[in-house]
Amino acid sequence: MAGLTLKLTNRSRKGLKGLPPSIELPNDATVEDAKKAIARAAKVSDHNRIGVFDPVSRKTIKDRNSLLRDQVEVVKRGELLVKDLGPQISWRLVYVIEYLGPLIFHPLVLGLRDHLYPAVWPLVKNHLPYAPQYNSEISFTQKISFAMIIAHFIKRELETLFLHKFAASTMPFAYVFRNSFFYWVFAGLLGSLELYAPFSPAALAPEQPTILTYVGLALYFIGEIANFDVHWYLAHLRKPGETARKIPRGHGFGLVTCPNYMFEIIAWIGIILVTRSPSLLLFISIGTYYMYIWAWGKEKNYRAQFGDKYKKKRSVILPGLL
């Protein structure tokens, strides 16, 4: 069977030094194979630095295991756009670093609670939106909130290390700071400082669980379990050796494009109901915005790749809402 001969064009003005004018690849070559071959020809030590792009849309071809012959415009035009992406870091490590922030800040702030807040209280007590009170003891709500948040991010870490499969193996190293900022600052630093304050809504919540607490816990466990179920399903959607993308079915995919995001939001609604935390509400509100954008991107990809075989979704993360 004939192979593929592809013209190689620098995508950026700076360009990749040593890029050959063309490259020959076997018919069953994957995107990863192309990147390795280009790196060898251009004498780039790390093939993960090589980014390959569609010659028409100029968008990156992310799935490193997909076959090049399935990239319609690449085959039609016989061309790949190439760019040096710079120093790389693995996607898996980036996620581990992201989720580490809350796992550091929440125990740290809780441990420093008795030393941190007595100095802060005189400065904030006259600026609270409710009657100022100070509960020096860690409340029941704060204890259960701590357990819920730590469990959530430990689950995230374990899934990252042992379950998730990534279409791209690496990303530019500089992105780790951008990606980690959201989790470290909003869910970690701000969330913990507000949540464990002796004058926070969680500190002043009723000592005995309320209906709101039970509803929150129910949503949390439903969301976390269902989210894990979707992640497990997606990780095993393609059998070993398969490269073609598949349409996911069941597990909430009949309702929305990305049910993993839907269940993530449900779990966080549960956390908000229990913690009564405005900081964590801000965190998940920002997160929902980005999940909505990412989910619409996935919806467009499904429609473009599978055509009439794919049932279009009007809602991508929350049925009837988003």
C-alpha atoms as a PDB file:
ATOM      1  CA  MET A   1       0.000   0.000   0.000  1.00  0.00           C
ATOM      2  CA  ALA A   2       1.340   3.437  -0.969  1.00  0.00           C
ATOM      3  CA  GLY A   3       2.605   5.684   1.768  1.00  0.00           C
ATOM      4  CA  LEU A   4       2.075   9.379   2.410  1.00  0.00           C
ATOM      5  CA  THR A   5       4.281  12.128   1.028  1.00  0.00           C
ATOM      6  CA  LEU A   6       3.538  15.394   2.805  1.00  0.00           C
ATOM      7  CA  LYS A   7       4.810  18.893   2.222  1.00  0.00           C
ATOM      8  CA  LEU A   8       6.013  20.515   5.447  1.00  0.00           C
ATOM      9  CA  THR A   9       5.401  24.231   6.025  1.00  0.00           C
ATOM     10  CA  ASN A  10       6.421  26.341   8.993  1.00  0.00           C
ATOM     11  CA  ARG A  11       3.314  27.676  10.728  1.00  0.00           C
ATOM     12  CA  SER A  12       5.049  30.618  12.390  1.00  0.00           C
ATOM     13  CA  ARG A  13       7.307  33.334  11.027  1.00  0.00           C
ATOM     14  CA  LYS A  14      10.143  32.303  13.309  1.00  0.00           C
ATOM     15  CA  GLY A  15       9.905  28.807  11.928  1.00  0.00           C
ATOM     16  CA  LEU A  16      11.544  25.531  12.839  1.00  0.00           C
ATOM     17  CA  LYS A  17      15.167  25.508  11.759  1.00  0.00           C
ATOM     18  CA  GLY A  18      16.169  22.481   9.745  1.00  0.00           C
ATOM     19  CA  LEU A  19      12.595  21.643   8.704  1.00  0.00           C
ATOM     20  CA  PRO A  20      12.766  19.512   5.542  1.00  0.00           C
ATOM     21  CA  PRO A  21      10.559  20.524   2.593  1.00  0.00           C
ATOM     22  CA  SER A  22       8.664  17.218   2.731  1.00  0.00           C
ATOM     23  CA  ILE A  23       8.496  13.905   4.508  1.00  0.00           C
ATOM     24  CA  GLU A  24       7.493  10.379   3.578  1.00  0.00           C
ATOM     25  CA  LEU A  25       5.499   8.234   5.971  1.00  0.00           C
ATOM     26  CA  PRO A  26       3.857   4.794   5.825  1.00  0.00           C
ATOM     27  CA  ASN A  27       0.119   4.687   5.151  1.00  0.00           C
ATOM     28  CA  ASP A  28      -0.639   3.620   8.714  1.00  0.00           C
ATOM     29  CA  ALA A  29       1.402   6.441  10.296  1.00  0.00           C
ATOM     30  CA  THR A  30      -0.110   8.169  13.309  1.00  0.00           C
ATOM     31  CA  VAL A  31       0.247  11.816  14.304  1.00  0.00           C
ATOM     32  CA  GLU A  32       2.845  10.667  16.840  1.00  0.00           C
ATOM     33  CA  ASP A  33       4.809   8.913  14.090  1.00  0.00           C
ATOM     34  CA  ALA A  34       4.799  12.101  12.019  1.00  0.00           C
ATOM     35  CA  LYS A  35       6.077  14.175  14.929  1.00  0.00           C
ATOM     36  CA  LYS A  36       8.896  11.704  15.583  1.00  0.00           C
ATOM     37  CA  ALA A  37       9.886  11.634  11.916  1.00  0.00           C
ATOM     38  CA  ILE A  38       9.879  15.435  11.651  1.00  0.00           C
ATOM     39  CA  ALA A  39      11.926  15.733  14.858  1.00  0.00           C
ATOM     40  CA  ARG A  40      14.532  13.300  13.501  1.00  0.00           C
ATOM     41  CA  ALA A  41      14.752  15.150  10.188  1.00  0.00           C
ATOM     42  CA  ALA A  42      14.977  18.561  11.864  1.00  0.00           C
ATOM     43  CA  LYS A  43      17.388  17.240  14.521  1.00  0.00           C
ATOM     44  CA  VAL A  44      15.094  18.143  17.435  1.00  0.00           C
ATOM     45  CA  SER A  45      15.869  15.958  20.451  1.00  0.00           C
ATOM     46  CA  ASP A  46      12.344  15.938  21.921  1.00  0.00           C
ATOM     47  CA  HIS A  47       9.623  15.098  19.386  1.00  0.00           C
ATOM     48  CA  ASN A  48       7.009  16.449  21.810  1.00  0.00           C
ATOM     49  CA  ARG A  49       8.206  19.948  20.892  1.00  0.00           C
ATOM     50  CA  ILE A  50       6.889  19.390  17.385  1.00  0.00           C
ATOM     51  CA  GLY A  51       3.365  20.698  16.837  1.00  0.00           C
ATOM     52  CA  VAL A  52       1.495  19.630  13.699  1.00  0.00           C
ATOM     53  CA  PHE A  53      -1.476  21.565  12.359  1.00  0.00           C
ATOM     54  CA  ASP A  54      -4.275  21.212   9.816  1.00  0.00           C
ATOM     55  CA  PRO A  55      -3.319  23.150   6.638  1.00  0.00           C
ATOM     56  CA  VAL A  56      -6.815  24.673   6.279  1.00  0.00           C
ATOM     57  CA  SER A  57      -8.136  25.336   9.800  1.00  0.00           C
ATOM     58  CA  ARG A  58      -4.566  25.856  11.082  1.00  0.00           C
ATOM     59  CA  LYS A  59      -5.692  24.160  14.297  1.00  0.00           C
ATOM     60  CA  THR A  60      -3.421  21.731  16.104  1.00  0.00           C
ATOM     61  CA  ILE A  61      -4.005  18.032  15.498  1.00  0.00           C
ATOM     62  CA  LYS A  62      -4.193  16.951  19.133  1.00  0.00           C
ATOM     63  CA  ASP A  63      -4.853  13.217  19.055  1.00  0.00           C
ATOM     64  CA  ARG A  64      -1.385  11.740  18.785  1.00  0.00           C
ATOM     65  CA  ASN A  65      -2.789   8.228  18.224  1.00  0.00           C
ATOM     66  CA  SER A  66      -5.038   9.164  15.298  1.00  0.00           C
ATOM     67  CA  LEU A  67      -4.049   8.078  11.788  1.00  0.00           C
ATOM     68  CA  LEU A  68      -2.774  10.793   9.479  1.00  0.00           C
ATOM     69  CA  ARG A  69      -4.742   9.308   6.582  1.00  0.00           C
ATOM     70  CA  ASP A  70      -7.930  10.152   8.518  1.00  0.00           C
ATOM     71  CA  GLN A  71      -7.049  13.857   8.510  1.00  0.00           C
ATOM     72  CA  VAL A  72      -9.070  14.875   5.457  1.00  0.00           C
ATOM     73  CA  GLU A  73      -7.427  18.213   4.619  1.00  0.00           C
ATOM     74  CA  VAL A  74      -3.926  16.900   5.323  1.00  0.00           C
ATOM     75  CA  VAL A  75      -4.383  14.094   2.792  1.00  0.00           C
ATOM     76  CA  LYS A  76      -6.315  16.247   0.305  1.00  0.00           C
ATOM     77  CA  ARG A  77      -3.665  18.967   0.217  1.00  0.00           C
ATOM     78  CA  GLY A  78      -0.703  16.732   0.975  1.00  0.00           C
ATOM     79  CA  GLU A  79       0.563  19.203   3.548  1.00  0.00           C
ATOM     80  CA  LEU A  80       1.242  19.576   7.266  1.00  0.00           C
ATOM     81  CA  LEU A  81       1.885  22.820   9.100  1.00  0.00           C
ATOM     82  CA  VAL A  82       4.677  22.507  11.662  1.00  0.00           C
ATOM     83  CA  LYS A  83       5.713  24.598  14.664  1.00  0.00           C
ATOM     84  CA  ASP A  84       8.313  24.299  17.420  1.00  0.00           C
ATOM     85  CA  LEU A  85       6.242  24.450  20.616  1.00  0.00           C
ATOM     86  CA  GLY A  86       9.232  25.010  22.890  1.00  0.00           C
ATOM     87  CA  PRO A  87      10.130  23.125  26.103  1.00  0.00           C
ATOM     88  CA  GLN A  88       7.400  20.682  27.088  1.00  0.00           C
ATOM     89  CA  ILE A  89       5.878  19.181  30.225  1.00  0.00           C
ATOM     90  CA  SER A  90       3.601  16.151  30.348  1.00  0.00           C
ATOM     91  CA  TRP A  91      -0.147  16.726  30.606  1.00  0.00           C
ATOM     92  CA  ARG A  92      -0.277  14.228  33.452  1.00  0.00           C
ATOM     93  CA  LEU A  93       2.286  16.143  35.498  1.00  0.00           C
ATOM     94  CA  VAL A  94       0.496  19.443  34.839  1.00  0.00           C
ATOM     95  CA  TYR A  95      -2.753  18.041  36.236  1.00  0.00           C
ATOM     96  CA  VAL A  96      -0.950  16.622  39.261  1.00  0.00           C
ATOM     97  CA  ILE A  97       0.537  20.055  39.954  1.00  0.00           C
ATOM     98  CA  GLU A  98      -2.808  21.819  39.430  1.00  0.00           C
ATOM     99  CA  TYR A  99      -4.700  19.680  41.937  1.00  0.00           C
ATOM    100  CA  LEU A 100      -1.858  19.795  44.444  1.00  0.00           C
ATOM    101  CA  GLY A 101      -2.623  23.426  45.303  1.00  0.00           C
ATOM    102  CA  PRO A 102      -5.868  22.832  47.237  1.00  0.00           C
ATOM    103  CA  LEU A 103      -4.321  19.759  48.897  1.00  0.00           C
ATOM    104  CA  ILE A 104      -1.561  22.008  50.265  1.00  0.00           C
ATOM    105  CA  PHE A 105      -3.526  25.128  51.192  1.00  0.00           C
ATOM    106  CA  HIS A 106      -6.516  23.559  52.968  1.00  0.00           C
ATOM    107  CA  PRO A 107      -4.517  21.566  55.564  1.00  0.00           C
ATOM    108  CA  LEU A 108      -2.039  24.458  55.916  1.00  0.00           C
ATOM    109  CA  VAL A 109      -4.665  27.140  56.600  1.00  0.00           C
ATOM    110  CA  LEU A 110      -6.634  24.850  58.895  1.00  0.00           C
ATOM    111  CA  GLY A 111      -3.450  24.093  60.840  1.00  0.00           C
ATOM    112  CA  LEU A 112      -2.584  27.792  61.175  1.00  0.00           C
ATOM    113  CA  ARG A 113      -6.158  28.808  62.038  1.00  0.00           C
ATOM    114  CA  ASP A 114      -5.509  29.714  65.678  1.00  0.00           C
ATOM    115  CA  HIS A 115      -2.481  31.837  64.758  1.00  0.00           C
ATOM    116  CA  LEU A 116      -3.797  33.523  61.625  1.00  0.00           C
ATOM    117  CA  TYR A 117      -7.310  34.757  62.347  1.00  0.00           C
ATOM    118  CA  PRO A 118      -7.045  36.443  65.777  1.00  0.00           C
ATOM    119  CA  ALA A 119      -4.862  39.086  64.130  1.00  0.00           C
ATOM    120  CA  VAL A 120      -7.259  39.465  61.203  1.00  0.00           C
ATOM    121  CA  TRP A 121     -10.530  39.632  63.141  1.00  0.00           C
ATOM    122  CA  PRO A 122     -10.253  43.284  64.316  1.00  0.00           C
ATOM    123  CA  LEU A 123      -9.671  44.363  60.712  1.00  0.00           C
ATOM    124  CA  VAL A 124     -12.671  42.600  59.192  1.00  0.00           C
ATOM    125  CA  LYS A 125     -15.373  42.421  61.855  1.00  0.00           C
ATOM    126  CA  ASN A 126     -16.928  45.748  60.899  1.00  0.00           C
ATOM    127  CA  HIS A 127     -16.960  44.931  57.196  1.00  0.00           C
ATOM    128  CA  LEU A 128     -18.845  41.631  57.180  1.00  0.00           C
ATOM    129  CA  PRO A 129     -22.195  41.524  55.324  1.00  0.00           C
ATOM    130  CA  TYR A 130     -23.785  39.872  58.376  1.00  0.00           C
ATOM    131  CA  ALA A 131     -23.714  40.336  62.161  1.00  0.00           C
ATOM    132  CA  PRO A 132     -20.107  39.821  63.272  1.00  0.00           C
ATOM    133  CA  GLN A 133     -19.505  36.647  65.277  1.00  0.00           C
ATOM    134  CA  TYR A 134     -16.334  34.738  66.070  1.00  0.00           C
ATOM    135  CA  ASN A 135     -16.348  30.972  66.599  1.00  0.00           C
ATOM    136  CA  SER A 136     -12.941  29.924  67.888  1.00  0.00           C
ATOM    137  CA  GLU A 137     -13.801  26.211  67.626  1.00  0.00           C
ATOM    138  CA  ILE A 138     -13.747  24.400  64.285  1.00  0.00           C
ATOM    139  CA  SER A 139     -17.409  23.857  63.431  1.00  0.00           C
ATOM    140  CA  PHE A 140     -18.997  20.631  62.238  1.00  0.00           C
ATOM    141  CA  THR A 141     -19.572  22.244  58.833  1.00  0.00           C
ATOM    142  CA  GLN A 142     -15.922  23.238  58.533  1.00  0.00           C
ATOM    143  CA  LYS A 143     -14.785  19.710  59.399  1.00  0.00           C
ATOM    144  CA  ILE A 144     -17.066  18.044  56.858  1.00  0.00           C
ATOM    145  CA  SER A 145     -16.213  20.699  54.270  1.00  0.00           C
ATOM    146  CA  PHE A 146     -12.525  19.950  54.706  1.00  0.00           C
ATOM    147  CA  ALA A 147     -13.153  16.220  54.220  1.00  0.00           C
ATOM    148  CA  MET A 148     -15.247  16.797  51.074  1.00  0.00           C
ATOM    149  CA  ILE A 149     -12.705  19.079  49.410  1.00  0.00           C
ATOM    150  CA  ILE A 150      -9.676  16.941  50.260  1.00  0.00           C
ATOM    151  CA  ALA A 151     -11.472  13.795  49.062  1.00  0.00           C
ATOM    152  CA  HIS A 152     -12.422  15.546  45.814  1.00  0.00           C
ATOM    153  CA  PHE A 153      -8.878  16.545  44.949  1.00  0.00           C
ATOM    154  CA  ILE A 154      -7.358  13.227  46.053  1.00  0.00           C
ATOM    155  CA  LYS A 155      -9.821  11.575  43.651  1.00  0.00           C
ATOM    156  CA  ARG A 156      -8.647  13.968  40.949  1.00  0.00           C
ATOM    157  CA  GLU A 157      -5.002  13.115  41.601  1.00  0.00           C
ATOM    158  CA  LEU A 158      -5.614   9.363  41.562  1.00  0.00           C
ATOM    159  CA  GLU A 159      -7.594   9.577  38.320  1.00  0.00           C
ATOM    160  CA  THR A 160      -4.811  11.628  36.759  1.00  0.00           C
ATOM    161  CA  LEU A 161      -2.119   9.165  37.788  1.00  0.00           C
ATOM    162  CA  PHE A 162      -3.896   5.882  37.084  1.00  0.00           C
ATOM    163  CA  LEU A 163      -6.970   6.394  34.885  1.00  0.00           C
ATOM    164  CA  HIS A 164      -6.931   9.321  32.460  1.00  0.00           C
ATOM    165  CA  LYS A 165      -5.588   8.947  28.949  1.00  0.00           C
ATOM    166  CA  PHE A 166      -4.424  12.059  27.144  1.00  0.00           C
ATOM    167  CA  ALA A 167      -4.759  12.721  23.422  1.00  0.00           C
ATOM    168  CA  ALA A 168      -1.612  14.856  23.592  1.00  0.00           C
ATOM    169  CA  SER A 169       1.293  13.726  25.721  1.00  0.00           C
ATOM    170  CA  THR A 170       2.745  17.161  26.542  1.00  0.00           C
ATOM    171  CA  MET A 171       2.069  20.885  26.574  1.00  0.00           C
ATOM    172  CA  PRO A 172       4.391  23.932  26.602  1.00  0.00           C
ATOM    173  CA  PHE A 173       6.093  24.205  29.990  1.00  0.00           C
ATOM    174  CA  ALA A 174       4.981  27.828  30.490  1.00  0.00           C
ATOM    175  CA  TYR A 175       1.331  26.693  30.563  1.00  0.00           C
ATOM    176  CA  VAL A 176       1.769  24.990  33.932  1.00  0.00           C
ATOM    177  CA  PHE A 177       1.751  28.394  35.659  1.00  0.00           C
ATOM    178  CA  ARG A 178      -1.353  29.591  33.820  1.00  0.00           C
ATOM    179  CA  ASN A 179      -3.251  26.357  34.400  1.00  0.00           C
ATOM    180  CA  SER A 180      -2.260  26.023  38.058  1.00  0.00           C
ATOM    181  CA  PHE A 181      -3.174  29.612  38.985  1.00  0.00           C
ATOM    182  CA  PHE A 182      -6.911  28.901  38.911  1.00  0.00           C
ATOM    183  CA  TYR A 183      -6.771  25.921  41.278  1.00  0.00           C
ATOM    184  CA  TRP A 184      -4.043  27.198  43.580  1.00  0.00           C
ATOM    185  CA  VAL A 185      -5.539  30.679  44.029  1.00  0.00           C
ATOM    186  CA  PHE A 186      -9.328  30.193  43.871  1.00  0.00           C
ATOM    187  CA  ALA A 187      -9.888  26.660  45.201  1.00  0.00           C
ATOM    188  CA  GLY A 188      -6.736  26.643  47.307  1.00  0.00           C
ATOM    189  CA  LEU A 189      -5.703  29.990  48.798  1.00  0.00           C
ATOM    190  CA  LEU A 190      -8.940  32.011  48.687  1.00  0.00           C
ATOM    191  CA  GLY A 191     -11.189  29.020  49.332  1.00  0.00           C
ATOM    192  CA  SER A 192      -9.300  27.877  52.410  1.00  0.00           C
ATOM    193  CA  LEU A 193      -8.777  31.361  53.880  1.00  0.00           C
ATOM    194  CA  GLU A 194     -12.500  32.097  53.704  1.00  0.00           C
ATOM    195  CA  LEU A 195     -13.817  28.631  54.578  1.00  0.00           C
ATOM    196  CA  TYR A 196     -11.838  28.071  57.804  1.00  0.00           C
ATOM    197  CA  ALA A 197     -12.154  31.603  59.138  1.00  0.00           C
ATOM    198  CA  PRO A 198     -13.823  31.634  62.604  1.00  0.00           C
ATOM    199  CA  PHE A 199     -16.285  34.184  61.220  1.00  0.00           C
ATOM    200  CA  SER A 200     -17.100  32.469  57.887  1.00  0.00           C
ATOM    201  CA  PRO A 201     -20.606  31.196  57.018  1.00  0.00           C
ATOM    202  CA  ALA A 202     -19.284  27.651  57.556  1.00  0.00           C
ATOM    203  CA  ALA A 203     -18.010  28.555  61.042  1.00  0.00           C
ATOM    204  CA  LEU A 204     -21.349  30.073  62.011  1.00  0.00           C
ATOM    205  CA  ALA A 205     -23.522  27.319  60.507  1.00  0.00           C
ATOM    206  CA  PRO A 206     -25.757  25.280  62.884  1.00  0.00           C
ATOM    207  CA  GLU A 207     -23.756  22.694  64.792  1.00  0.00           C
ATOM    208  CA  GLN A 208     -26.208  19.948  63.892  1.00  0.00           C
ATOM    209  CA  PRO A 209     -26.628  18.941  60.218  1.00  0.00           C
ATOM    210  CA  THR A 210     -29.546  20.640  58.467  1.00  0.00           C
ATOM    211  CA  ILE A 211     -31.655  19.591  55.478  1.00  0.00           C
ATOM    212  CA  LEU A 212     -29.329  21.715  53.357  1.00  0.00           C
ATOM    213  CA  THR A 213     -26.352  19.706  54.621  1.00  0.00           C
ATOM    214  CA  TYR A 214     -27.962  16.384  53.752  1.00  0.00           C
ATOM    215  CA  VAL A 215     -28.998  17.592  50.285  1.00  0.00           C
ATOM    216  CA  GLY A 216     -25.468  18.878  49.689  1.00  0.00           C
ATOM    217  CA  LEU A 217     -23.894  15.610  50.772  1.00  0.00           C
ATOM    218  CA  ALA A 218     -26.269  13.628  48.533  1.00  0.00           C
ATOM    219  CA  LEU A 219     -25.420  15.779  45.500  1.00  0.00           C
ATOM    220  CA  TYR A 220     -21.723  15.549  46.318  1.00  0.00           C
ATOM    221  CA  PHE A 221     -21.647  11.746  46.439  1.00  0.00           C
ATOM    222  CA  ILE A 222     -23.873  11.379  43.375  1.00  0.00           C
ATOM    223  CA  GLY A 223     -21.701  13.814  41.434  1.00  0.00           C
ATOM    224  CA  GLU A 224     -18.387  12.290  42.472  1.00  0.00           C
ATOM    225  CA  ILE A 225     -19.433   8.683  41.790  1.00  0.00           C
ATOM    226  CA  ALA A 226     -21.064   9.515  38.458  1.00  0.00           C
ATOM    227  CA  ASN A 227     -18.084  11.643  37.428  1.00  0.00           C
ATOM    228  CA  PHE A 228     -15.735   8.731  38.143  1.00  0.00           C
ATOM    229  CA  ASP A 229     -18.039   6.414  36.170  1.00  0.00           C
ATOM    230  CA  VAL A 230     -17.794   8.666  33.093  1.00  0.00           C
ATOM    231  CA  HIS A 231     -14.013   8.949  33.438  1.00  0.00           C
ATOM    232  CA  TRP A 232     -13.695   5.155  33.701  1.00  0.00           C
ATOM    233  CA  TYR A 233     -15.930   4.692  30.655  1.00  0.00           C
ATOM    234  CA  LEU A 234     -13.967   7.187  28.540  1.00  0.00           C
ATOM    235  CA  ALA A 235     -10.630   5.660  29.572  1.00  0.00           C
ATOM    236  CA  HIS A 236     -11.795   2.273  28.272  1.00  0.00           C
ATOM    237  CA  LEU A 237     -13.842   3.451  25.269  1.00  0.00           C
ATOM    238  CA  ARG A 238     -11.152   2.425  22.799  1.00  0.00           C
ATOM    239  CA  LYS A 239      -9.758  -1.057  23.028  1.00  0.00           C
ATOM    240  CA  PRO A 240      -5.971  -1.564  23.090  1.00  0.00           C
ATOM    241  CA  GLY A 241      -4.557  -0.926  19.629  1.00  0.00           C
ATOM    242  CA  GLU A 242      -7.589   1.024  18.360  1.00  0.00           C
ATOM    243  CA  THR A 243      -6.933   4.525  17.014  1.00  0.00           C
ATOM    244  CA  ALA A 244     -10.291   5.617  15.604  1.00  0.00           C
ATOM    245  CA  ARG A 245     -12.412   7.927  17.748  1.00  0.00           C
ATOM    246  CA  LYS A 246     -15.771   6.600  18.900  1.00  0.00           C
ATOM    247  CA  ILE A 247     -19.059   8.214  19.804  1.00  0.00           C
ATOM    248  CA  PRO A 248     -19.562   7.792  23.572  1.00  0.00           C
ATOM    249  CA  ARG A 249     -22.988   6.480  24.578  1.00  0.00           C
ATOM    250  CA  GLY A 250     -24.856   6.078  27.852  1.00  0.00           C
ATOM    251  CA  HIS A 251     -23.399   7.314  31.155  1.00  0.00           C
ATOM    252  CA  GLY A 252     -25.106  10.689  30.655  1.00  0.00           C
ATOM    253  CA  PHE A 253     -23.953  11.236  27.057  1.00  0.00           C
ATOM    254  CA  GLY A 254     -27.574  11.091  25.905  1.00  0.00           C
ATOM    255  CA  LEU A 255     -28.282  14.223  27.940  1.00  0.00           C
ATOM    256  CA  VAL A 256     -25.253  16.413  27.305  1.00  0.00           C
ATOM    257  CA  THR A 257     -22.015  16.396  25.340  1.00  0.00           C
ATOM    258  CA  CYS A 258     -19.793  16.187  28.427  1.00  0.00           C
ATOM    259  CA  PRO A 259     -21.534  14.452  31.351  1.00  0.00           C
ATOM    260  CA  ASN A 260     -18.254  14.377  33.274  1.00  0.00           C
ATOM    261  CA  TYR A 261     -18.528  18.173  33.479  1.00  0.00           C
ATOM    262  CA  MET A 262     -22.198  17.917  34.433  1.00  0.00           C
ATOM    263  CA  PHE A 263     -21.448  15.589  37.344  1.00  0.00           C
ATOM    264  CA  GLU A 264     -18.449  17.721  38.340  1.00  0.00           C
ATOM    265  CA  ILE A 265     -20.759  20.723  38.658  1.00  0.00           C
ATOM    266  CA  ILE A 266     -23.321  18.664  40.606  1.00  0.00           C
ATOM    267  CA  ALA A 267     -20.625  17.612  43.080  1.00  0.00           C
ATOM    268  CA  TRP A 268     -19.537  21.220  43.527  1.00  0.00           C
ATOM    269  CA  ILE A 269     -23.130  22.363  44.026  1.00  0.00           C
ATOM    270  CA  GLY A 270     -23.193  19.840  46.861  1.00  0.00           C
ATOM    271  CA  ILE A 271     -19.985  21.326  48.297  1.00  0.00           C
ATOM    272  CA  ILE A 272     -21.415  24.870  48.061  1.00  0.00           C
ATOM    273  CA  LEU A 273     -24.615  23.838  49.865  1.00  0.00           C
ATOM    274  CA  VAL A 274     -22.616  22.302  52.696  1.00  0.00           C
ATOM    275  CA  THR A 275     -19.871  24.932  52.977  1.00  0.00           C
ATOM    276  CA  ARG A 276     -22.019  28.007  52.228  1.00  0.00           C
ATOM    277  CA  SER A 277     -18.781  29.384  50.775  1.00  0.00           C
ATOM    278  CA  PRO A 278     -18.888  32.423  48.434  1.00  0.00           C
ATOM    279  CA  SER A 279     -15.239  31.842  47.499  1.00  0.00           C
ATOM    280  CA  LEU A 280     -15.903  28.307  46.317  1.00  0.00           C
ATOM    281  CA  LEU A 281     -19.043  29.519  44.528  1.00  0.00           C
ATOM    282  CA  LEU A 282     -16.824  31.946  42.609  1.00  0.00           C
ATOM    283  CA  PHE A 283     -14.389  29.104  41.853  1.00  0.00           C
ATOM    284  CA  ILE A 284     -16.997  26.784  40.346  1.00  0.00           C
ATOM    285  CA  SER A 285     -18.736  29.651  38.517  1.00  0.00           C
ATOM    286  CA  ILE A 286     -15.493  30.456  36.693  1.00  0.00           C
ATOM    287  CA  GLY A 287     -14.875  26.742  36.183  1.00  0.00           C
ATOM    288  CA  THR A 288     -18.351  26.265  34.701  1.00  0.00           C
ATOM    289  CA  TYR A 289     -17.665  29.019  32.171  1.00  0.00           C
ATOM    290  CA  TYR A 290     -14.529  27.269  30.945  1.00  0.00           C
ATOM    291  CA  MET A 291     -16.161  23.827  30.981  1.00  0.00           C
ATOM    292  CA  TYR A 292     -18.946  25.253  28.814  1.00  0.00           C
ATOM    293  CA  ILE A 293     -16.415  26.530  26.268  1.00  0.00           C
ATOM    294  CA  TRP A 294     -14.488  23.237  26.239  1.00  0.00           C
ATOM    295  CA  ALA A 295     -17.702  21.211  25.931  1.00  0.00           C
ATOM    296  CA  TRP A 296     -18.878  23.238  22.935  1.00  0.00           C
ATOM    297  CA  GLY A 297     -15.516  22.574  21.336  1.00  0.00           C
ATOM    298  CA  LYS A 298     -16.059  18.847  21.822  1.00  0.00           C
ATOM    299  CA  GLU A 299     -19.602  19.114  20.455  1.00  0.00           C
ATOM    300  CA  LYS A 300     -18.341  20.825  17.302  1.00  0.00           C
ATOM    301  CA  ASN A 301     -15.654  18.160  16.874  1.00  0.00           C
ATOM    302  CA  TYR A 302     -18.211  15.354  17.216  1.00  0.00           C
ATOM    303  CA  ARG A 303     -20.469  16.990  14.633  1.00  0.00           C
ATOM    304  CA  ALA A 304     -17.592  17.574  12.209  1.00  0.00           C
ATOM    305  CA  GLN A 305     -16.110  14.087  12.562  1.00  0.00           C
ATOM    306  CA  PHE A 306     -19.192  11.890  12.727  1.00  0.00           C
ATOM    307  CA  GLY A 307     -21.782  13.884  10.758  1.00  0.00           C
ATOM    308  CA  ASP A 308     -25.227  12.284  10.681  1.00  0.00           C
ATOM    309  CA  LYS A 309     -24.041   9.378  12.847  1.00  0.00           C
ATOM    310  CA  TYR A 310     -23.859  11.745  15.797  1.00  0.00           C
ATOM    311  CA  LYS A 311     -26.991  13.037  17.531  1.00  0.00           C
ATOM    312  CA  LYS A 312     -26.489  16.758  17.991  1.00  0.00           C
ATOM    313  CA  LYS A 313     -26.862  18.143  21.508  1.00  0.00           C
ATOM    314  CA  ARG A 314     -28.353  21.507  22.365  1.00  0.00           C
ATOM    315  CA  SER A 315     -26.997  21.324  25.913  1.00  0.00           C
ATOM    316  CA  VAL A 316     -23.327  20.523  26.414  1.00  0.00           C
ATOM    317  CA  ILE A 317     -22.910  20.451  30.220  1.00  0.00           C
ATOM    318  CA  LEU A 318     -26.298  21.065  31.915  1.00  0.00           C
ATOM    319  CA  PRO A 319     -29.547  19.789  30.341  1.00  0.00           C
ATOM    320  CA  GLY A 320     -31.783  22.642  29.220  1.00  0.00           C
ATOM    321  CA  LEU A 321     -29.414  25.281  30.659  1.00  0.00           C
ATOM    322  CA  LEU A 322     -25.913  25.246  29.179  1.00  0.00           C
END
